[in-house]
Structures are given as structure tokens and as C-alpha cells.
């Protein structure tokens, strides 16, 4: 029972860490994607 308990706990913590990491990576990627159009608009405004 102790072995299965440890495996379940390790799985839970690994799952939580994976979720945090994936959400962080998604957030960074989303910010970059949203930043590029704003940057392009600013460049175009400066040119005109």
C-alpha cells in the first residue's frame, strides 16, 4: 500500500507541475502573439 500511495502522490505532484508549466508556456506564447500585431501597428503609425 505504501508503494502505491507514493506513486499516486508523485503522479499528482508531477501532474500539478506539468499543468503549471504548460499554462506558463501558453501564457508566454499568447503574450508574444498578442504583442506582435501591436508592434506592427506602432511601426506603421510611426512611418505615416
PDB file of N, CA and C in Angstrom:
ATOM      1  N   UNK A   1       0.821  -1.206   0.000  1.00  0.00           N
ATOM      2  CA  UNK A   1       0.000   0.000   0.000  1.00  0.00           C
ATOM      3  C   UNK A   1       0.862   1.266   0.000  1.00  0.00           C
ATOM      4  N   UNK A   2       1.959   1.240   0.737  1.00  0.00           N
ATOM      5  CA  UNK A   2       2.814   2.426   0.789  1.00  0.00           C
ATOM      6  C   UNK A   2       3.380   2.745  -0.587  1.00  0.00           C
ATOM      7  N   UNK A   3       3.740   1.714  -1.340  1.00  0.00           N
ATOM      8  CA  UNK A   3       4.305   1.938  -2.665  1.00  0.00           C
ATOM      9  C   UNK A   3       3.272   2.572  -3.592  1.00  0.00           C
ATOM     10  N   UNK A   4       2.041   2.084  -3.547  1.00  0.00           N
ATOM     11  CA  UNK A   4       1.015   2.656  -4.426  1.00  0.00           C
ATOM     12  C   UNK A   4       0.671   4.076  -3.995  1.00  0.00           C
ATOM     13  N   UNK A   5       0.703   4.324  -2.692  1.00  0.00           N
ATOM     14  CA  UNK A   5       0.420   5.673  -2.209  1.00  0.00           C
ATOM     15  C   UNK A   5       1.473   6.655  -2.706  1.00  0.00           C
ATOM     16  N   UNK A   6       2.738   6.271  -2.614  1.00  0.00           N
ATOM     17  CA  UNK A   6       3.816   7.141  -3.074  1.00  0.00           C
ATOM     18  C   UNK A   6       3.698   7.394  -4.573  1.00  0.00           C
ATOM     19  N   UNK A   7       3.384   6.361  -5.321  1.00  0.00           N
ATOM     20  CA  UNK A   7       3.249   6.529  -6.763  1.00  0.00           C
ATOM     21  C   UNK A   7       2.122   7.499  -7.090  1.00  0.00           C
ATOM     22  N   UNK A   8       1.019   7.381  -6.382  1.00  0.00           N
ATOM     23  CA  UNK A   8      -0.104   8.288  -6.637  1.00  0.00           C
ATOM     24  C   UNK A   8       0.269   9.725  -6.275  1.00  0.00           C
ATOM     25  N   UNK A   9       0.959   9.912  -5.148  1.00  0.00           N
ATOM     26  CA  UNK A   9       1.360  11.256  -4.741  1.00  0.00           C
ATOM     27  C   UNK A   9       2.348  11.843  -5.739  1.00  0.00           C
ATOM     28  N   UNK A  10       3.320  11.057  -6.172  1.00  0.00           N
ATOM     29  CA  UNK A  10       4.283  11.533  -7.159  1.00  0.00           C
ATOM     30  C   UNK A  10       3.561  11.919  -8.445  1.00  0.00           C
ATOM     31  N   UNK A  11       2.614  11.097  -8.852  1.00  0.00           N
ATOM     32  CA  UNK A  11       1.851  11.384 -10.057  1.00  0.00           C
ATOM     33  C   UNK A  11       1.077  12.682  -9.916  1.00  0.00           C
ATOM     34  N   UNK A  12       0.487  12.904  -8.751  1.00  0.00           N
ATOM     35  CA  UNK A  12      -0.280  14.129  -8.523  1.00  0.00           C
ATOM     36  C   UNK A  12       0.618  15.348  -8.606  1.00  0.00           C
ATOM     37  N   UNK A  13       1.768  15.301  -7.926  1.00  0.00           N
ATOM     38  CA  UNK A  13       2.670  16.453  -7.937  1.00  0.00           C
ATOM     39  C   UNK A  13       3.246  16.681  -9.332  1.00  0.00           C
ATOM     40  N   UNK A  14       3.587  15.604 -10.024  1.00  0.00           N
ATOM     41  CA  UNK A  14       4.089  15.738 -11.392  1.00  0.00           C
ATOM     42  C   UNK A  14       3.024  16.337 -12.286  1.00  0.00           C
ATOM     43  N   UNK A  15       1.776  15.919 -12.060  1.00  0.00           N
ATOM     44  CA  UNK A  15       0.670  16.448 -12.860  1.00  0.00           C
ATOM     45  C   UNK A  15       0.464  17.941 -12.597  1.00  0.00           C
ATOM     46  N   UNK A  16       0.546  18.350 -11.345  1.00  0.00           N
ATOM     47  CA  UNK A  16       0.393  19.763 -10.996  1.00  0.00           C
ATOM     48  C   UNK A  16       1.526  20.588 -11.598  1.00  0.00           C
ATOM     49  N   UNK A  17       2.748  20.104 -11.493  1.00  0.00           N
ATOM     50  CA  UNK A  17       3.896  20.822 -12.057  1.00  0.00           C
ATOM     51  C   UNK A  17       3.774  20.912 -13.567  1.00  0.00           C
ATOM     52  N   UNK A  18       3.341  19.828 -14.209  1.00  0.00           N
ATOM     53  CA  UNK A  18       3.159  19.841 -15.665  1.00  0.00           C
ATOM     54  C   UNK A  18       2.076  20.835 -16.058  1.00  0.00           C
ATOM     55  N   UNK A  19       1.006  20.897 -15.284  1.00  0.00           N
ATOM     56  CA  UNK A  19      -0.082  21.836 -15.577  1.00  0.00           C
ATOM     57  C   UNK A  19       0.400  23.279 -15.451  1.00  0.00           C
ATOM     58  N   UNK A  20       1.144  23.577 -14.388  1.00  0.00           N
ATOM     59  CA  UNK A  20       1.664  24.933 -14.187  1.00  0.00           C
ATOM     60  C   UNK A  20       2.624  25.296 -15.316  1.00  0.00           C
ATOM     61  N   UNK A  21       3.495  24.371 -15.677  1.00  0.00           N
ATOM     62  CA  UNK A  21       4.469  24.626 -16.739  1.00  0.00           C
ATOM     63  C   UNK A  21       3.769  24.869 -18.074  1.00  0.00           C
ATOM     64  N   UNK A  22       2.794  24.018 -18.390  1.00  0.00           N
ATOM     65  CA  UNK A  22       2.098  24.171 -19.673  1.00  0.00           C
ATOM     66  C   UNK A  22       1.300  25.461 -19.709  1.00  0.00           C
ATOM     67  N   UNK A  23       0.676  25.833 -18.600  1.00  0.00           N
ATOM     68  CA  UNK A  23      -0.087  27.082 -18.592  1.00  0.00           C
ATOM     69  C   UNK A  23       0.847  28.284 -18.683  1.00  0.00           C
ATOM     70  N   UNK A  24       2.032  28.195 -18.069  1.00  0.00           N
ATOM     71  CA  UNK A  24       3.013  29.278 -18.144  1.00  0.00           C
ATOM     72  C   UNK A  24       3.522  29.438 -19.570  1.00  0.00           C
ATOM     73  N   UNK A  25       3.831  28.317 -20.211  1.00  0.00           N
ATOM     74  CA  UNK A  25       4.307  28.357 -21.601  1.00  0.00           C
ATOM     75  C   UNK A  25       3.220  28.917 -22.503  1.00  0.00           C
ATOM     76  N   UNK A  26       1.981  28.503 -22.290  1.00  0.00           N
ATOM     77  CA  UNK A  26       0.862  29.017 -23.084  1.00  0.00           C
ATOM     78  C   UNK A  26       0.706  30.517 -22.881  1.00  0.00           C
ATOM     79  N   UNK A  27       0.828  30.971 -21.648  1.00  0.00           N
ATOM     80  CA  UNK A  27       0.678  32.398 -21.340  1.00  0.00           C
ATOM     81  C   UNK A  27       1.757  33.222 -22.032  1.00  0.00           C
ATOM     82  N   UNK A  28       2.989  32.755 -21.991  1.00  0.00           N
ATOM     83  CA  UNK A  28       4.093  33.462 -22.650  1.00  0.00           C
ATOM     84  C   UNK A  28       3.872  33.502 -24.155  1.00  0.00           C
ATOM     85  N   UNK A  29       3.495  32.363 -24.731  1.00  0.00           N
ATOM     86  CA  UNK A  29       3.257  32.303 -26.175  1.00  0.00           C
ATOM     87  C   UNK A  29       2.100  33.227 -26.556  1.00  0.00           C
ATOM     88  N   UNK A  30       1.038  33.253 -25.756  1.00  0.00           N
ATOM     89  CA  UNK A  30      -0.119  34.111 -26.040  1.00  0.00           C
ATOM     90  C   UNK A  30       0.279  35.585 -25.991  1.00  0.00           C
ATOM     91  N   UNK A  31       1.098  35.962 -25.002  1.00  0.00           N
ATOM     92  CA  UNK A  31       1.546  37.353 -24.897  1.00  0.00           C
ATOM     93  C   UNK A  31       2.386  37.757 -26.098  1.00  0.00           C
ATOM     94  N   UNK A  32       3.229  36.867 -26.570  1.00  0.00           N
ATOM     95  CA  UNK A  32       4.039  37.159 -27.744  1.00  0.00           C
ATOM     96  C   UNK A  32       3.148  37.333 -28.964  1.00  0.00           C
ATOM     97  N   UNK A  33       2.186  36.433 -29.135  1.00  0.00           N
ATOM     98  CA  UNK A  33       1.278  36.512 -30.291  1.00  0.00           C
ATOM     99  C   UNK A  33       0.465  37.802 -30.252  1.00  0.00           C
ATOM    100  N   UNK A  34       0.047  38.232 -29.078  1.00  0.00           N
ATOM    101  CA  UNK A  34      -0.744  39.455 -28.971  1.00  0.00           C
ATOM    102  C   UNK A  34       0.135  40.700 -29.087  1.00  0.00           C
ATOM    103  N   UNK A  35       1.418  40.592 -28.797  1.00  0.00           N
ATOM    104  CA  UNK A  35       2.319  41.734 -28.841  1.00  0.00           C
ATOM    105  C   UNK A  35       2.710  42.078 -30.269  1.00  0.00           C
ATOM    106  N   UNK A  36       2.879  41.092 -31.133  1.00  0.00           N
ATOM    107  CA  UNK A  36       3.345  41.318 -32.499  1.00  0.00           C
ATOM    108  C   UNK A  36       2.419  42.252 -33.277  1.00  0.00           C
ATOM    109  N   UNK A  37       1.096  42.049 -33.286  1.00  0.00           N
ATOM    110  CA  UNK A  37       0.237  42.988 -34.022  1.00  0.00           C
ATOM    111  C   UNK A  37       0.320  44.421 -33.490  1.00  0.00           C
ATOM    112  N   UNK A  38       0.397  44.562 -32.161  1.00  0.00           N
ATOM    113  CA  UNK A  38       0.515  45.905 -31.589  1.00  0.00           C
ATOM    114  C   UNK A  38       1.810  46.559 -32.032  1.00  0.00           C
ATOM    115  N   UNK A  39       2.866  45.789 -32.068  1.00  0.00           N
ATOM    116  CA  UNK A  39       4.163  46.296 -32.508  1.00  0.00           C
ATOM    117  C   UNK A  39       4.092  46.737 -33.967  1.00  0.00           C
ATOM    118  N   UNK A  40       3.471  45.931 -34.805  1.00  0.00           N
ATOM    119  CA  UNK A  40       3.334  46.281 -36.218  1.00  0.00           C
ATOM    120  C   UNK A  40       2.509  47.551 -36.404  1.00  0.00           C
ATOM    121  N   UNK A  41       1.436  47.702 -35.636  1.00  0.00           N
ATOM    122  CA  UNK A  41       0.606  48.907 -35.724  1.00  0.00           C
ATOM    123  C   UNK A  41       1.417  50.131 -35.330  1.00  0.00           C
ATOM    124  N   UNK A  42       2.209  50.021 -34.281  1.00  0.00           N
ATOM    125  CA  UNK A  42       3.040  51.156 -33.855  1.00  0.00           C
ATOM    126  C   UNK A  42       4.068  51.524 -34.918  1.00  0.00           C
ATOM    127  N   UNK A  43       4.668  50.520 -35.536  1.00  0.00           N
ATOM    128  CA  UNK A  43       5.669  50.782 -36.588  1.00  0.00           C
ATOM    129  C   UNK A  43       4.999  51.487 -37.766  1.00  0.00           C
ATOM    130  N   UNK A  44       3.828  51.022 -38.156  1.00  0.00           N
ATOM    131  CA  UNK A  44       3.117  51.636 -39.283  1.00  0.00           C
ATOM    132  C   UNK A  44       2.729  53.069 -38.959  1.00  0.00           C
ATOM    133  N   UNK A  45       2.262  53.314 -37.729  1.00  0.00           N
ATOM    134  CA  UNK A  45       1.894  54.668 -37.338  1.00  0.00           C
ATOM    135  C   UNK A  45       3.105  55.597 -37.363  1.00  0.00           C
ATOM    136  N   UNK A  46       4.256  55.107 -36.947  1.00  0.00           N
ATOM    137  CA  UNK A  46       5.467  55.919 -36.948  1.00  0.00           C
ATOM    138  C   UNK A  46       5.900  56.264 -38.377  1.00  0.00           C
ATOM    139  N   UNK A  47       5.688  55.338 -39.290  1.00  0.00           N
ATOM    140  CA  UNK A  47       6.075  55.580 -40.685  1.00  0.00           C
ATOM    141  C   UNK A  47       5.181  56.635 -41.328  1.00  0.00           C
ATOM    142  N   UNK A  48       3.919  56.658 -41.000  1.00  0.00           N
ATOM    143  CA  UNK A  48       2.988  57.611 -41.604  1.00  0.00           C
ATOM    144  C   UNK A  48       3.051  58.869 -40.800  1.00  0.00           C
TER     145      UNK A  48
END
